Amino acid sequence: MRRRVFPATLSEATQQWYFKLPPGRFNSCKAFSSEFHTQFSSSCQLPLHLENLVEVKQRPGEPLRAYISRFMTEATKVERLIEEGRLAAIFGGIEVLGELWKDIRKVAL
Protein backbone atom coordinates (compact mmCIF):
# COMPACT_ATOMS: atom_id res chain seq x y z
CA MET A 1 0.00 0.00 0.00
CA ARG A 2 2.81 2.44 0.89
CA ARG A 3 4.39 2.01 -2.55
CA ARG A 4 1.16 3.13 -4.20
CA VAL A 5 0.65 6.15 -1.96
CA PHE A 6 4.26 7.37 -1.88
CA PRO A 7 4.39 8.78 -5.45
CA ALA A 8 1.31 10.92 -4.75
CA THR A 9 3.30 12.76 -2.07
CA LEU A 10 6.03 13.81 -4.53
CA SER A 11 6.30 16.93 -6.68
CA GLU A 12 5.80 16.53 -10.41
CA ALA A 13 9.53 16.52 -11.19
CA THR A 14 10.21 13.99 -8.45
CA GLN A 15 7.37 11.77 -9.70
CA GLN A 16 8.92 11.80 -13.17
CA TRP A 17 12.25 10.63 -11.72
CA TYR A 18 10.50 7.97 -9.60
CA PHE A 19 8.48 6.49 -12.46
CA LYS A 20 11.56 6.28 -14.71
CA LEU A 21 13.29 3.97 -12.23
CA PRO A 22 13.50 0.40 -13.55
CA PRO A 23 11.50 -2.16 -11.52
CA GLY A 24 13.62 -4.07 -9.02
CA ARG A 25 16.44 -1.51 -9.05
CA PHE A 26 16.58 -1.36 -5.26
CA ASN A 27 16.77 -4.33 -2.95
CA SER A 28 16.01 -2.36 0.22
CA CYS A 29 14.38 0.80 1.48
CA LYS A 30 17.81 1.96 2.63
CA ALA A 31 19.20 1.70 -0.92
CA PHE A 32 16.22 3.64 -2.29
CA SER A 33 16.55 6.26 0.45
CA SER A 34 20.23 6.74 -0.33
CA GLU A 35 19.55 7.15 -4.07
CA PHE A 36 16.66 9.54 -3.38
CA HIS A 37 18.82 11.64 -1.08
CA THR A 38 21.66 11.75 -3.63
CA GLN A 39 19.26 12.81 -6.38
CA PHE A 40 17.42 15.55 -4.49
CA SER A 41 19.56 16.79 -1.59
CA SER A 42 21.04 19.60 -3.69
CA SER A 43 17.56 21.02 -4.34
CA CYS A 44 16.87 21.48 -0.62
CA GLN A 45 16.95 25.11 0.39
CA LEU A 46 18.92 25.90 3.48
CA PRO A 47 17.30 28.39 5.85
CA LEU A 48 18.59 31.93 5.55
CA HIS A 49 19.73 34.20 8.36
CA LEU A 50 19.66 37.96 8.85
CA GLU A 51 23.18 38.23 7.37
CA ASN A 52 21.82 36.81 4.10
CA LEU A 53 18.91 39.24 4.10
CA VAL A 54 21.22 42.23 4.53
CA GLU A 55 22.76 41.28 1.17
CA VAL A 56 19.43 41.92 -0.62
CA LYS A 57 19.93 45.37 -2.14
CA GLN A 58 17.86 47.53 -4.42
CA ARG A 59 19.29 47.25 -7.92
CA PRO A 60 20.12 50.41 -9.88
CA GLY A 61 16.93 51.56 -11.58
CA GLU A 62 14.80 48.98 -9.77
CA PRO A 63 11.48 50.47 -8.64
CA LEU A 64 11.06 50.61 -4.87
CA ARG A 65 7.91 48.47 -5.07
CA ALA A 66 9.81 45.72 -6.92
CA TYR A 67 12.67 45.84 -4.40
CA ILE A 68 10.29 45.59 -1.44
CA SER A 69 8.47 42.67 -3.05
CA ARG A 70 11.76 40.85 -3.71
CA PHE A 71 12.99 41.65 -0.21
CA MET A 72 9.81 40.37 1.45
CA THR A 73 10.01 37.13 -0.55
CA GLU A 74 13.54 36.58 0.75
CA ALA A 75 12.55 37.63 4.28
CA THR A 76 10.06 34.75 4.48
CA LYS A 77 13.02 32.36 4.18
CA VAL A 78 14.90 33.80 7.18
CA GLU A 79 14.81 31.91 10.46
CA ARG A 80 13.78 33.74 13.62
CA LEU A 81 13.61 37.16 11.99
CA ILE A 82 12.57 39.94 14.36
CA GLU A 83 10.91 43.13 13.14
CA GLU A 84 13.86 45.36 14.02
CA GLY A 85 16.19 43.20 11.96
CA ARG A 86 13.79 43.20 9.02
CA LEU A 87 13.49 47.00 9.09
CA ALA A 88 17.23 47.56 9.38
CA ALA A 89 17.88 45.20 6.48
CA ILE A 90 15.21 46.64 4.19
CA PHE A 91 16.25 50.24 4.78
CA GLY A 92 19.91 49.30 4.42
CA GLY A 93 19.21 47.85 1.00
CA ILE A 94 17.44 50.87 -0.49
CA GLU A 95 19.42 52.66 -3.16
CA VAL A 96 20.78 55.79 -1.43
CA LEU A 97 20.16 58.11 -4.34
CA GLY A 98 16.87 56.42 -5.20
CA GLU A 99 13.43 57.99 -5.32
CA LEU A 100 12.57 57.23 -1.68
CA TRP A 101 15.60 59.11 -0.36
CA LYS A 102 14.84 62.03 -2.68
CA ASP A 103 11.27 62.16 -1.33
CA ILE A 104 12.45 61.99 2.28
CA ARG A 105 14.92 64.79 1.66
CA LYS A 106 12.18 67.02 0.14
CA VAL A 107 9.97 66.47 3.19
CA ALA A 108 12.87 67.13 5.59
CA LEU A 109 13.80 70.43 3.95
PDB file of N, CA and C in Angstrom:
ATOM      1  N   MET A   1       0.818  -1.184   0.000  1.00  0.00           N
ATOM      2  CA  MET A   1       0.000   0.000   0.000  1.00  0.00           C
ATOM      3  C   MET A   1       0.877   1.269   0.000  1.00  0.00           C
ATOM      4  N   ARG A   2       1.944   1.260   0.806  1.00  0.00           N
ATOM      5  CA  ARG A   2       2.811   2.442   0.886  1.00  0.00           C
ATOM      6  C   ARG A   2       3.421   2.780  -0.463  1.00  0.00           C
ATOM      7  N   ARG A   3       3.781   1.761  -1.252  1.00  0.00           N
ATOM      8  CA  ARG A   3       4.394   2.015  -2.549  1.00  0.00           C
ATOM      9  C   ARG A   3       3.440   2.697  -3.509  1.00  0.00           C
ATOM     10  N   ARG A   4       2.148   2.486  -3.342  1.00  0.00           N
ATOM     11  CA  ARG A   4       1.163   3.130  -4.204  1.00  0.00           C
ATOM     12  C   ARG A   4       0.888   4.563  -3.766  1.00  0.00           C
ATOM     13  N   VAL A   5       0.946   4.825  -2.490  1.00  0.00           N
ATOM     14  CA  VAL A   5       0.652   6.152  -1.959  1.00  0.00           C
ATOM     15  C   VAL A   5       1.854   7.079  -2.070  1.00  0.00           C
ATOM     16  N   PHE A   6       3.045   6.548  -1.890  1.00  0.00           N
ATOM     17  CA  PHE A   6       4.262   7.366  -1.876  1.00  0.00           C
ATOM     18  C   PHE A   6       4.387   8.315  -3.066  1.00  0.00           C
ATOM     19  N   PRO A   7       4.222   7.851  -4.319  1.00  0.00           N
ATOM     20  CA  PRO A   7       4.389   8.776  -5.449  1.00  0.00           C
ATOM     21  C   PRO A   7       3.439   9.981  -5.411  1.00  0.00           C
ATOM     22  N   ALA A   8       2.281   9.813  -4.831  1.00  0.00           N
ATOM     23  CA  ALA A   8       1.313  10.916  -4.754  1.00  0.00           C
ATOM     24  C   ALA A   8       1.806  12.034  -3.838  1.00  0.00           C
ATOM     25  N   THR A   9       2.775  11.746  -2.989  1.00  0.00           N
ATOM     26  CA  THR A   9       3.302  12.761  -2.074  1.00  0.00           C
ATOM     27  C   THR A   9       4.449  13.559  -2.695  1.00  0.00           C
ATOM     28  N   LEU A  10       4.870  13.188  -3.901  1.00  0.00           N
ATOM     29  CA  LEU A  10       6.032  13.811  -4.534  1.00  0.00           C
ATOM     30  C   LEU A  10       5.611  14.939  -5.476  1.00  0.00           C
ATOM     31  N   SER A  11       6.535  15.871  -5.684  1.00  0.00           N
ATOM     32  CA  SER A  11       6.298  16.931  -6.675  1.00  0.00           C
ATOM     33  C   SER A  11       6.310  16.302  -8.062  1.00  0.00           C
ATOM     34  N   GLU A  12       5.875  17.056  -9.050  1.00  0.00           N
ATOM     35  CA  GLU A  12       5.796  16.530 -10.410  1.00  0.00           C
ATOM     36  C   GLU A  12       7.162  16.071 -10.930  1.00  0.00           C
ATOM     37  N   ALA A  13       8.189  16.885 -10.721  1.00  0.00           N
ATOM     38  CA  ALA A  13       9.532  16.524 -11.193  1.00  0.00           C
ATOM     39  C   ALA A  13      10.042  15.265 -10.493  1.00  0.00           C
ATOM     40  N   THR A  14       9.773  15.158  -9.212  1.00  0.00           N
ATOM     41  CA  THR A  14      10.212  13.988  -8.454  1.00  0.00           C
ATOM     42  C   THR A  14       9.443  12.743  -8.893  1.00  0.00           C
ATOM     43  N   GLN A  15       8.160  12.898  -9.188  1.00  0.00           N
ATOM     44  CA  GLN A  15       7.371  11.772  -9.698  1.00  0.00           C
ATOM     45  C   GLN A  15       7.950  11.279 -11.021  1.00  0.00           C
ATOM     46  N   GLN A  16       8.340  12.200 -11.887  1.00  0.00           N
ATOM     47  CA  GLN A  16       8.920  11.801 -13.172  1.00  0.00           C
ATOM     48  C   GLN A  16      10.175  10.969 -12.946  1.00  0.00           C
ATOM     49  N   TRP A  17      11.033  11.398 -12.036  1.00  0.00           N
ATOM     50  CA  TRP A  17      12.245  10.632 -11.719  1.00  0.00           C
ATOM     51  C   TRP A  17      11.869   9.248 -11.188  1.00  0.00           C
ATOM     52  N   TYR A  18      10.911   9.212 -10.260  1.00  0.00           N
ATOM     53  CA  TYR A  18      10.496   7.973  -9.602  1.00  0.00           C
ATOM     54  C   TYR A  18       9.968   6.954 -10.619  1.00  0.00           C
ATOM     55  N   PHE A  19       9.099   7.413 -11.516  1.00  0.00           N
ATOM     56  CA  PHE A  19       8.482   6.487 -12.461  1.00  0.00           C
ATOM     57  C   PHE A  19       9.430   6.039 -13.577  1.00  0.00           C
ATOM     58  N   LYS A  20      10.559   6.709 -13.731  1.00  0.00           N
ATOM     59  CA  LYS A  20      11.564   6.282 -14.714  1.00  0.00           C
ATOM     60  C   LYS A  20      12.508   5.214 -14.147  1.00  0.00           C
ATOM     61  N   LEU A  21      12.435   4.983 -12.845  1.00  0.00           N
ATOM     62  CA  LEU A  21      13.295   3.969 -12.233  1.00  0.00           C
ATOM     63  C   LEU A  21      12.889   2.584 -12.721  1.00  0.00           C
ATOM     64  N   PRO A  22      13.848   1.754 -13.109  1.00  0.00           N
ATOM     65  CA  PRO A  22      13.499   0.402 -13.552  1.00  0.00           C
ATOM     66  C   PRO A  22      13.001  -0.445 -12.368  1.00  0.00           C
ATOM     67  N   PRO A  23      12.005  -1.283 -12.595  1.00  0.00           N
ATOM     68  CA  PRO A  23      11.503  -2.156 -11.517  1.00  0.00           C
ATOM     69  C   PRO A  23      12.627  -3.041 -10.982  1.00  0.00           C
ATOM     70  N   GLY A  24      12.636  -3.209  -9.664  1.00  0.00           N
ATOM     71  CA  GLY A  24      13.624  -4.068  -9.024  1.00  0.00           C
ATOM     72  C   GLY A  24      15.005  -3.446  -8.890  1.00  0.00           C
ATOM     73  N   ARG A  25      15.128  -2.160  -9.126  1.00  0.00           N
ATOM     74  CA  ARG A  25      16.438  -1.510  -9.053  1.00  0.00           C
ATOM     75  C   ARG A  25      16.997  -1.533  -7.634  1.00  0.00           C
ATOM     76  N   PHE A  26      16.128  -1.421  -6.650  1.00  0.00           N
ATOM     77  CA  PHE A  26      16.583  -1.359  -5.256  1.00  0.00           C
ATOM     78  C   PHE A  26      16.171  -2.622  -4.524  1.00  0.00           C
ATOM     79  N   ASN A  27      17.076  -3.129  -3.710  1.00  0.00           N
ATOM     80  CA  ASN A  27      16.773  -4.333  -2.951  1.00  0.00           C
ATOM     81  C   ASN A  27      16.414  -4.033  -1.498  1.00  0.00           C
ATOM     82  N   SER A  28      16.404  -2.724  -1.148  1.00  0.00           N
ATOM     83  CA  SER A  28      16.011  -2.355   0.218  1.00  0.00           C
ATOM     84  C   SER A  28      15.550  -0.901   0.249  1.00  0.00           C
ATOM     85  N   CYS A  29      14.814  -0.583   1.292  1.00  0.00           N
ATOM     86  CA  CYS A  29      14.381   0.804   1.484  1.00  0.00           C
ATOM     87  C   CYS A  29      15.595   1.709   1.708  1.00  0.00           C
ATOM     88  N   LYS A  30      16.610   1.180   2.370  1.00  0.00           N
ATOM     89  CA  LYS A  30      17.809   1.963   2.632  1.00  0.00           C
ATOM     90  C   LYS A  30      18.508   2.339   1.322  1.00  0.00           C
ATOM     91  N   ALA A  31      18.582   1.423   0.374  1.00  0.00           N
ATOM     92  CA  ALA A  31      19.204   1.704  -0.922  1.00  0.00           C
ATOM     93  C   ALA A  31      18.404   2.766  -1.674  1.00  0.00           C
ATOM     94  N   PHE A  32      17.065   2.639  -1.630  1.00  0.00           N
ATOM     95  CA  PHE A  32      16.220   3.637  -2.286  1.00  0.00           C
ATOM     96  C   PHE A  32      16.393   4.999  -1.623  1.00  0.00           C
ATOM     97  N   SER A  33      16.407   5.010  -0.302  1.00  0.00           N
ATOM     98  CA  SER A  33      16.555   6.258   0.448  1.00  0.00           C
ATOM     99  C   SER A  33      17.862   6.953   0.099  1.00  0.00           C
ATOM    100  N   SER A  34      18.924   6.182  -0.003  1.00  0.00           N
ATOM    101  CA  SER A  34      20.234   6.738  -0.334  1.00  0.00           C
ATOM    102  C   SER A  34      20.223   7.349  -1.737  1.00  0.00           C
ATOM    103  N   GLU A  35      19.639   6.645  -2.692  1.00  0.00           N
ATOM    104  CA  GLU A  35      19.554   7.147  -4.072  1.00  0.00           C
ATOM    105  C   GLU A  35      18.689   8.411  -4.135  1.00  0.00           C
ATOM    106  N   PHE A  36      17.570   8.386  -3.419  1.00  0.00           N
ATOM    107  CA  PHE A  36      16.660   9.537  -3.381  1.00  0.00           C
ATOM    108  C   PHE A  36      17.378  10.754  -2.814  1.00  0.00           C
ATOM    109  N   HIS A  37      18.085  10.550  -1.724  1.00  0.00           N
ATOM    110  CA  HIS A  37      18.824  11.644  -1.084  1.00  0.00           C
ATOM    111  C   HIS A  37      19.897  12.199  -2.024  1.00  0.00           C
ATOM    112  N   THR A  38      20.620  11.322  -2.689  1.00  0.00           N
ATOM    113  CA  THR A  38      21.661  11.751  -3.631  1.00  0.00           C
ATOM    114  C   THR A  38      21.051  12.570  -4.764  1.00  0.00           C
ATOM    115  N   GLN A  39      19.904  12.141  -5.248  1.00  0.00           N
ATOM    116  CA  GLN A  39      19.256  12.811  -6.379  1.00  0.00           C
ATOM    117  C   GLN A  39      18.722  14.192  -6.008  1.00  0.00           C
ATOM    118  N   PHE A  40      18.161  14.336  -4.803  1.00  0.00           N
ATOM    119  CA  PHE A  40      17.420  15.552  -4.487  1.00  0.00           C
ATOM    120  C   PHE A  40      17.978  16.403  -3.352  1.00  0.00           C
ATOM    121  N   SER A  41      19.051  16.001  -2.716  1.00  0.00           N
ATOM    122  CA  SER A  41      19.563  16.793  -1.592  1.00  0.00           C
ATOM    123  C   SER A  41      20.057  18.160  -2.029  1.00  0.00           C
ATOM    124  N   SER A  42      20.543  18.291  -3.242  1.00  0.00           N
ATOM    125  CA  SER A  42      21.035  19.596  -3.689  1.00  0.00           C
ATOM    126  C   SER A  42      19.907  20.577  -3.942  1.00  0.00           C
ATOM    127  N   SER A  43      18.670  20.099  -4.088  1.00  0.00           N
ATOM    128  CA  SER A  43      17.558  21.018  -4.338  1.00  0.00           C
ATOM    129  C   SER A  43      16.891  21.473  -3.043  1.00  0.00           C
ATOM    130  N   CYS A  44      17.401  21.018  -1.901  1.00  0.00           N
ATOM    131  CA  CYS A  44      16.873  21.484  -0.623  1.00  0.00           C
ATOM    132  C   CYS A  44      17.395  22.891  -0.362  1.00  0.00           C
ATOM    133  N   GLN A  45      16.517  23.765   0.065  1.00  0.00           N
ATOM    134  CA  GLN A  45      16.955  25.112   0.387  1.00  0.00           C
ATOM    135  C   GLN A  45      17.325  25.188   1.856  1.00  0.00           C
ATOM    136  N   LEU A  46      18.496  25.709   2.108  1.00  0.00           N
ATOM    137  CA  LEU A  46      18.921  25.897   3.483  1.00  0.00           C
ATOM    138  C   LEU A  46      18.270  27.161   4.024  1.00  0.00           C
ATOM    139  N   PRO A  47      17.902  27.175   5.297  1.00  0.00           N
ATOM    140  CA  PRO A  47      17.301  28.386   5.849  1.00  0.00           C
ATOM    141  C   PRO A  47      18.290  29.548   5.824  1.00  0.00           C
ATOM    142  N   LEU A  48      17.757  30.733   5.575  1.00  0.00           N
ATOM    143  CA  LEU A  48      18.592  31.927   5.548  1.00  0.00           C
ATOM    144  C   LEU A  48      18.626  32.572   6.925  1.00  0.00           C
ATOM    145  N   HIS A  49      19.584  33.456   7.113  1.00  0.00           N
ATOM    146  CA  HIS A  49      19.725  34.202   8.355  1.00  0.00           C
ATOM    147  C   HIS A  49      19.747  35.682   8.028  1.00  0.00           C
ATOM    148  N   LEU A  50      19.701  36.509   9.041  1.00  0.00           N
ATOM    149  CA  LEU A  50      19.664  37.956   8.846  1.00  0.00           C
ATOM    150  C   LEU A  50      20.837  38.433   7.993  1.00  0.00           C
ATOM    151  N   GLU A  51      22.010  37.828   8.158  1.00  0.00           N
ATOM    152  CA  GLU A  51      23.179  38.230   7.374  1.00  0.00           C
ATOM    153  C   GLU A  51      22.911  38.066   5.879  1.00  0.00           C
ATOM    154  N   ASN A  52      22.162  37.023   5.505  1.00  0.00           N
ATOM    155  CA  ASN A  52      21.818  36.809   4.103  1.00  0.00           C
ATOM    156  C   ASN A  52      20.848  37.875   3.614  1.00  0.00           C
ATOM    157  N   LEU A  53      19.922  38.259   4.467  1.00  0.00           N
ATOM    158  CA  LEU A  53      18.912  39.238   4.098  1.00  0.00           C
ATOM    159  C   LEU A  53      19.515  40.621   3.898  1.00  0.00           C
ATOM    160  N   VAL A  54      20.550  40.941   4.658  1.00  0.00           N
ATOM    161  CA  VAL A  54      21.225  42.233   4.535  1.00  0.00           C
ATOM    162  C   VAL A  54      21.846  42.374   3.144  1.00  0.00           C
ATOM    163  N   GLU A  55      22.153  41.260   2.503  1.00  0.00           N
ATOM    164  CA  GLU A  55      22.758  41.282   1.166  1.00  0.00           C
ATOM    165  C   GLU A  55      21.748  41.603   0.067  1.00  0.00           C
ATOM    166  N   VAL A  56      20.458  41.590   0.373  1.00  0.00           N
ATOM    167  CA  VAL A  56      19.432  41.916  -0.622  1.00  0.00           C
ATOM    168  C   VAL A  56      19.392  43.432  -0.754  1.00  0.00           C
ATOM    169  N   LYS A  57      19.828  43.923  -1.893  1.00  0.00           N
ATOM    170  CA  LYS A  57      19.930  45.367  -2.140  1.00  0.00           C
ATOM    171  C   LYS A  57      19.036  45.755  -3.307  1.00  0.00           C
ATOM    172  N   GLN A  58      18.598  46.999  -3.286  1.00  0.00           N
ATOM    173  CA  GLN A  58      17.855  47.531  -4.417  1.00  0.00           C
ATOM    174  C   GLN A  58      18.827  47.695  -5.585  1.00  0.00           C
ATOM    175  N   ARG A  59      18.436  47.181  -6.732  1.00  0.00           N
ATOM    176  CA  ARG A  59      19.290  47.252  -7.915  1.00  0.00           C
ATOM    177  C   ARG A  59      19.163  48.638  -8.550  1.00  0.00           C
ATOM    178  N   PRO A  60      20.204  49.106  -9.211  1.00  0.00           N
ATOM    179  CA  PRO A  60      20.116  50.409  -9.883  1.00  0.00           C
ATOM    180  C   PRO A  60      18.937  50.430 -10.855  1.00  0.00           C
ATOM    181  N   GLY A  61      18.097  51.426 -10.705  1.00  0.00           N
ATOM    182  CA  GLY A  61      16.934  51.564 -11.579  1.00  0.00           C
ATOM    183  C   GLY A  61      15.749  50.697 -11.197  1.00  0.00           C
ATOM    184  N   GLU A  62      15.900  49.847 -10.183  1.00  0.00           N
ATOM    185  CA  GLU A  62      14.798  48.980  -9.769  1.00  0.00           C
ATOM    186  C   GLU A  62      13.771  49.803  -9.003  1.00  0.00           C
ATOM    187  N   PRO A  63      12.510  49.734  -9.382  1.00  0.00           N
ATOM    188  CA  PRO A  63      11.485  50.471  -8.642  1.00  0.00           C
ATOM    189  C   PRO A  63      11.419  49.997  -7.189  1.00  0.00           C
ATOM    190  N   LEU A  64      11.123  50.926  -6.295  1.00  0.00           N
ATOM    191  CA  LEU A  64      11.062  50.606  -4.875  1.00  0.00           C
ATOM    192  C   LEU A  64      10.076  49.480  -4.601  1.00  0.00           C
ATOM    193  N   ARG A  65       8.931  49.516  -5.258  1.00  0.00           N
ATOM    194  CA  ARG A  65       7.911  48.472  -5.065  1.00  0.00           C
ATOM    195  C   ARG A  65       8.467  47.090  -5.414  1.00  0.00           C
ATOM    196  N   ALA A  66       9.224  46.997  -6.510  1.00  0.00           N
ATOM    197  CA  ALA A  66       9.809  45.716  -6.920  1.00  0.00           C
ATOM    198  C   ALA A  66      10.849  45.255  -5.906  1.00  0.00           C
ATOM    199  N   TYR A  67      11.666  46.190  -5.410  1.00  0.00           N
ATOM    200  CA  TYR A  67      12.673  45.841  -4.402  1.00  0.00           C
ATOM    201  C   TYR A  67      12.001  45.317  -3.136  1.00  0.00           C
ATOM    202  N   ILE A  68      10.971  46.013  -2.671  1.00  0.00           N
ATOM    203  CA  ILE A  68      10.287  45.594  -1.438  1.00  0.00           C
ATOM    204  C   ILE A  68       9.657  44.221  -1.624  1.00  0.00           C
ATOM    205  N   SER A  69       9.064  43.983  -2.769  1.00  0.00           N
ATOM    206  CA  SER A  69       8.472  42.669  -3.046  1.00  0.00           C
ATOM    207  C   SER A  69       9.528  41.576  -3.023  1.00  0.00           C
ATOM    208  N   ARG A  70      10.664  41.813  -3.681  1.00  0.00           N
ATOM    209  CA  ARG A  70      11.763  40.846  -3.709  1.00  0.00           C
ATOM    210  C   ARG A  70      12.322  40.640  -2.305  1.00  0.00           C
ATOM    211  N   PHE A  71      12.471  41.725  -1.574  1.00  0.00           N
ATOM    212  CA  PHE A  71      12.989  41.653  -0.207  1.00  0.00           C
ATOM    213  C   PHE A  71      12.063  40.816   0.678  1.00  0.00           C
ATOM    214  N   MET A  72      10.765  41.082   0.597  1.00  0.00           N
ATOM    215  CA  MET A  72       9.811  40.369   1.455  1.00  0.00           C
ATOM    216  C   MET A  72       9.773  38.878   1.118  1.00  0.00           C
ATOM    217  N   THR A  73       9.943  38.543  -0.153  1.00  0.00           N
ATOM    218  CA  THR A  73      10.007  37.131  -0.546  1.00  0.00           C
ATOM    219  C   THR A  73      11.202  36.463   0.126  1.00  0.00           C
ATOM    220  N   GLU A  74      12.351  37.134   0.103  1.00  0.00           N
ATOM    221  CA  GLU A  74      13.539  36.580   0.746  1.00  0.00           C
ATOM    222  C   GLU A  74      13.388  36.550   2.265  1.00  0.00           C
ATOM    223  N   ALA A  75      12.720  37.552   2.823  1.00  0.00           N
ATOM    224  CA  ALA A  75      12.547  37.634   4.280  1.00  0.00           C
ATOM    225  C   ALA A  75      11.744  36.456   4.819  1.00  0.00           C
ATOM    226  N   THR A  76      10.838  35.904   4.024  1.00  0.00           N
ATOM    227  CA  THR A  76      10.058  34.750   4.483  1.00  0.00           C
ATOM    228  C   THR A  76      10.919  33.510   4.670  1.00  0.00           C
ATOM    229  N   LYS A  77      12.115  33.510   4.089  1.00  0.00           N
ATOM    230  CA  LYS A  77      13.022  32.358   4.181  1.00  0.00           C
ATOM    231  C   LYS A  77      13.981  32.456   5.360  1.00  0.00           C
ATOM    232  N   VAL A  78      13.949  33.571   6.087  1.00  0.00           N
ATOM    233  CA  VAL A  78      14.896  33.797   7.177  1.00  0.00           C
ATOM    234  C   VAL A  78      14.346  33.230   8.480  1.00  0.00           C
ATOM    235  N   GLU A  79      15.176  32.481   9.163  1.00  0.00           N
ATOM    236  CA  GLU A  79      14.807  31.907  10.460  1.00  0.00           C
ATOM    237  C   GLU A  79      14.814  32.963  11.553  1.00  0.00           C
ATOM    238  N   ARG A  80      13.847  32.907  12.413  1.00  0.00           N
ATOM    239  CA  ARG A  80      13.778  33.743  13.622  1.00  0.00           C
ATOM    240  C   ARG A  80      14.066  35.225  13.344  1.00  0.00           C
ATOM    241  N   LEU A  81      13.411  35.758  12.346  1.00  0.00           N
ATOM    242  CA  LEU A  81      13.607  37.159  11.989  1.00  0.00           C
ATOM    243  C   LEU A  81      12.728  38.042  12.869  1.00  0.00           C
ATOM    244  N   ILE A  82      13.342  39.004  13.548  1.00  0.00           N
ATOM    245  CA  ILE A  82      12.570  39.944  14.355  1.00  0.00           C
ATOM    246  C   ILE A  82      12.344  41.216  13.548  1.00  0.00           C
ATOM    247  N   GLU A  83      11.315  41.952  13.906  1.00  0.00           N
ATOM    248  CA  GLU A  83      10.908  43.134  13.136  1.00  0.00           C
ATOM    249  C   GLU A  83      12.026  44.166  13.010  1.00  0.00           C
ATOM    250  N   GLU A  84      12.775  44.385  14.073  1.00  0.00           N
ATOM    251  CA  GLU A  84      13.862  45.364  14.025  1.00  0.00           C
ATOM    252  C   GLU A  84      14.915  44.970  12.995  1.00  0.00           C
ATOM    253  N   GLY A  85      15.220  43.691  12.936  1.00  0.00           N
ATOM    254  CA  GLY A  85      16.191  43.197  11.963  1.00  0.00           C
ATOM    255  C   GLY A  85      15.676  43.359  10.542  1.00  0.00           C
ATOM    256  N   ARG A  86      14.394  43.055  10.344  1.00  0.00           N
ATOM    257  CA  ARG A  86      13.794  43.199   9.020  1.00  0.00           C
ATOM    258  C   ARG A  86      13.846  44.658   8.565  1.00  0.00           C
ATOM    259  N   LEU A  87      13.483  45.581   9.441  1.00  0.00           N
ATOM    260  CA  LEU A  87      13.487  47.003   9.091  1.00  0.00           C
ATOM    261  C   LEU A  87      14.894  47.511   8.792  1.00  0.00           C
ATOM    262  N   ALA A  88      15.847  47.128   9.615  1.00  0.00           N
ATOM    263  CA  ALA A  88      17.229  47.563   9.383  1.00  0.00           C
ATOM    264  C   ALA A  88      17.728  47.038   8.042  1.00  0.00           C
ATOM    265  N   ALA A  89      17.411  45.791   7.728  1.00  0.00           N
ATOM    266  CA  ALA A  89      17.877  45.196   6.478  1.00  0.00           C
ATOM    267  C   ALA A  89      17.210  45.838   5.271  1.00  0.00           C
ATOM    268  N   ILE A  90      15.899  46.080   5.360  1.00  0.00           N
ATOM    269  CA  ILE A  90      15.206  46.640   4.195  1.00  0.00           C
ATOM    270  C   ILE A  90      15.647  48.074   3.924  1.00  0.00           C
ATOM    271  N   PHE A  91      15.799  48.865   4.975  1.00  0.00           N
ATOM    272  CA  PHE A  91      16.255  50.243   4.778  1.00  0.00           C
ATOM    273  C   PHE A  91      17.708  50.284   4.334  1.00  0.00           C
ATOM    274  N   GLY A  92      18.509  49.365   4.817  1.00  0.00           N
ATOM    275  CA  GLY A  92      19.913  49.304   4.416  1.00  0.00           C
ATOM    276  C   GLY A  92      20.105  48.927   2.965  1.00  0.00           C
ATOM    277  N   GLY A  93      19.104  48.288   2.377  1.00  0.00           N
ATOM    278  CA  GLY A  93      19.212  47.853   0.996  1.00  0.00           C
ATOM    279  C   GLY A  93      18.667  48.834  -0.020  1.00  0.00           C
ATOM    280  N   ILE A  94      18.031  49.901   0.443  1.00  0.00           N
ATOM    281  CA  ILE A  94      17.444  50.869  -0.485  1.00  0.00           C
ATOM    282  C   ILE A  94      18.541  51.707  -1.111  1.00  0.00           C
ATOM    283  N   GLU A  95      18.446  51.876  -2.409  1.00  0.00           N
ATOM    284  CA  GLU A  95      19.424  52.663  -3.160  1.00  0.00           C
ATOM    285  C   GLU A  95      19.462  54.085  -2.590  1.00  0.00           C
ATOM    286  N   VAL A  96      20.629  54.520  -2.147  1.00  0.00           N
ATOM    287  CA  VAL A  96      20.777  55.790  -1.430  1.00  0.00           C
ATOM    288  C   VAL A  96      20.309  56.981  -2.254  1.00  0.00           C
ATOM    289  N   LEU A  97      20.587  56.986  -3.509  1.00  0.00           N
ATOM    290  CA  LEU A  97      20.162  58.110  -4.343  1.00  0.00           C
ATOM    291  C   LEU A  97      18.846  57.813  -5.065  1.00  0.00           C
ATOM    292  N   GLY A  98      18.130  56.797  -4.580  1.00  0.00           N
ATOM    293  CA  GLY A  98      16.869  56.417  -5.202  1.00  0.00           C
ATOM    294  C   GLY A  98      15.742  57.388  -4.887  1.00  0.00           C
ATOM    295  N   GLU A  99      14.587  57.100  -5.442  1.00  0.00           N
ATOM    296  CA  GLU A  99      13.428  57.985  -5.321  1.00  0.00           C
ATOM    297  C   GLU A  99      12.975  58.166  -3.876  1.00  0.00           C
ATOM    298  N   LEU A 100      13.014  57.109  -3.070  1.00  0.00           N
ATOM    299  CA  LEU A 100      12.570  57.234  -1.678  1.00  0.00           C
ATOM    300  C   LEU A 100      13.408  58.260  -0.932  1.00  0.00           C
ATOM    301  N   TRP A 101      14.725  58.173  -1.073  1.00  0.00           N
ATOM    302  CA  TRP A 101      15.596  59.112  -0.365  1.00  0.00           C
ATOM    303  C   TRP A 101      15.381  60.544  -0.854  1.00  0.00           C
ATOM    304  N   LYS A 102      15.126  60.697  -2.147  1.00  0.00           N
ATOM    305  CA  LYS A 102      14.836  62.028  -2.683  1.00  0.00           C
ATOM    306  C   LYS A 102      13.548  62.584  -2.062  1.00  0.00           C
ATOM    307  N   ASP A 103      12.529  61.730  -1.941  1.00  0.00           N
ATOM    308  CA  ASP A 103      11.275  62.159  -1.331  1.00  0.00           C
ATOM    309  C   ASP A 103      11.453  62.507   0.134  1.00  0.00           C
ATOM    310  N   ILE A 104      12.220  61.717   0.864  1.00  0.00           N
ATOM    311  CA  ILE A 104      12.452  61.990   2.284  1.00  0.00           C
ATOM    312  C   ILE A 104      13.194  63.295   2.429  1.00  0.00           C
ATOM    313  N   ARG A 105      14.148  63.546   1.568  1.00  0.00           N
ATOM    314  CA  ARG A 105      14.920  64.789   1.656  1.00  0.00           C
ATOM    315  C   ARG A 105      14.029  66.007   1.398  1.00  0.00           C
ATOM    316  N   LYS A 106      13.113  65.924   0.432  1.00  0.00           N
ATOM    317  CA  LYS A 106      12.177  67.016   0.136  1.00  0.00           C
ATOM    318  C   LYS A 106      11.327  67.325   1.350  1.00  0.00           C
ATOM    319  N   VAL A 107      10.830  66.282   2.016  1.00  0.00           N
ATOM    320  CA  VAL A 107       9.972  66.466   3.188  1.00  0.00           C
ATOM    321  C   VAL A 107      10.785  67.080   4.329  1.00  0.00           C
ATOM    322  N   ALA A 108      12.032  66.650   4.486  1.00  0.00           N
ATOM    323  CA  ALA A 108      12.873  67.133   5.594  1.00  0.00           C
ATOM    324  C   ALA A 108      13.277  68.596   5.419  1.00  0.00           C
ATOM    325  N   LEU A 109      13.368  69.059   4.179  1.00  0.00           N
ATOM    326  CA  LEU A 109      13.800  70.430   3.948  1.00  0.00           C
ATOM    327  C   LEU A 109      12.637  71.343   4.025  1.00  0.00           C
TER     328      LEU A 109
END
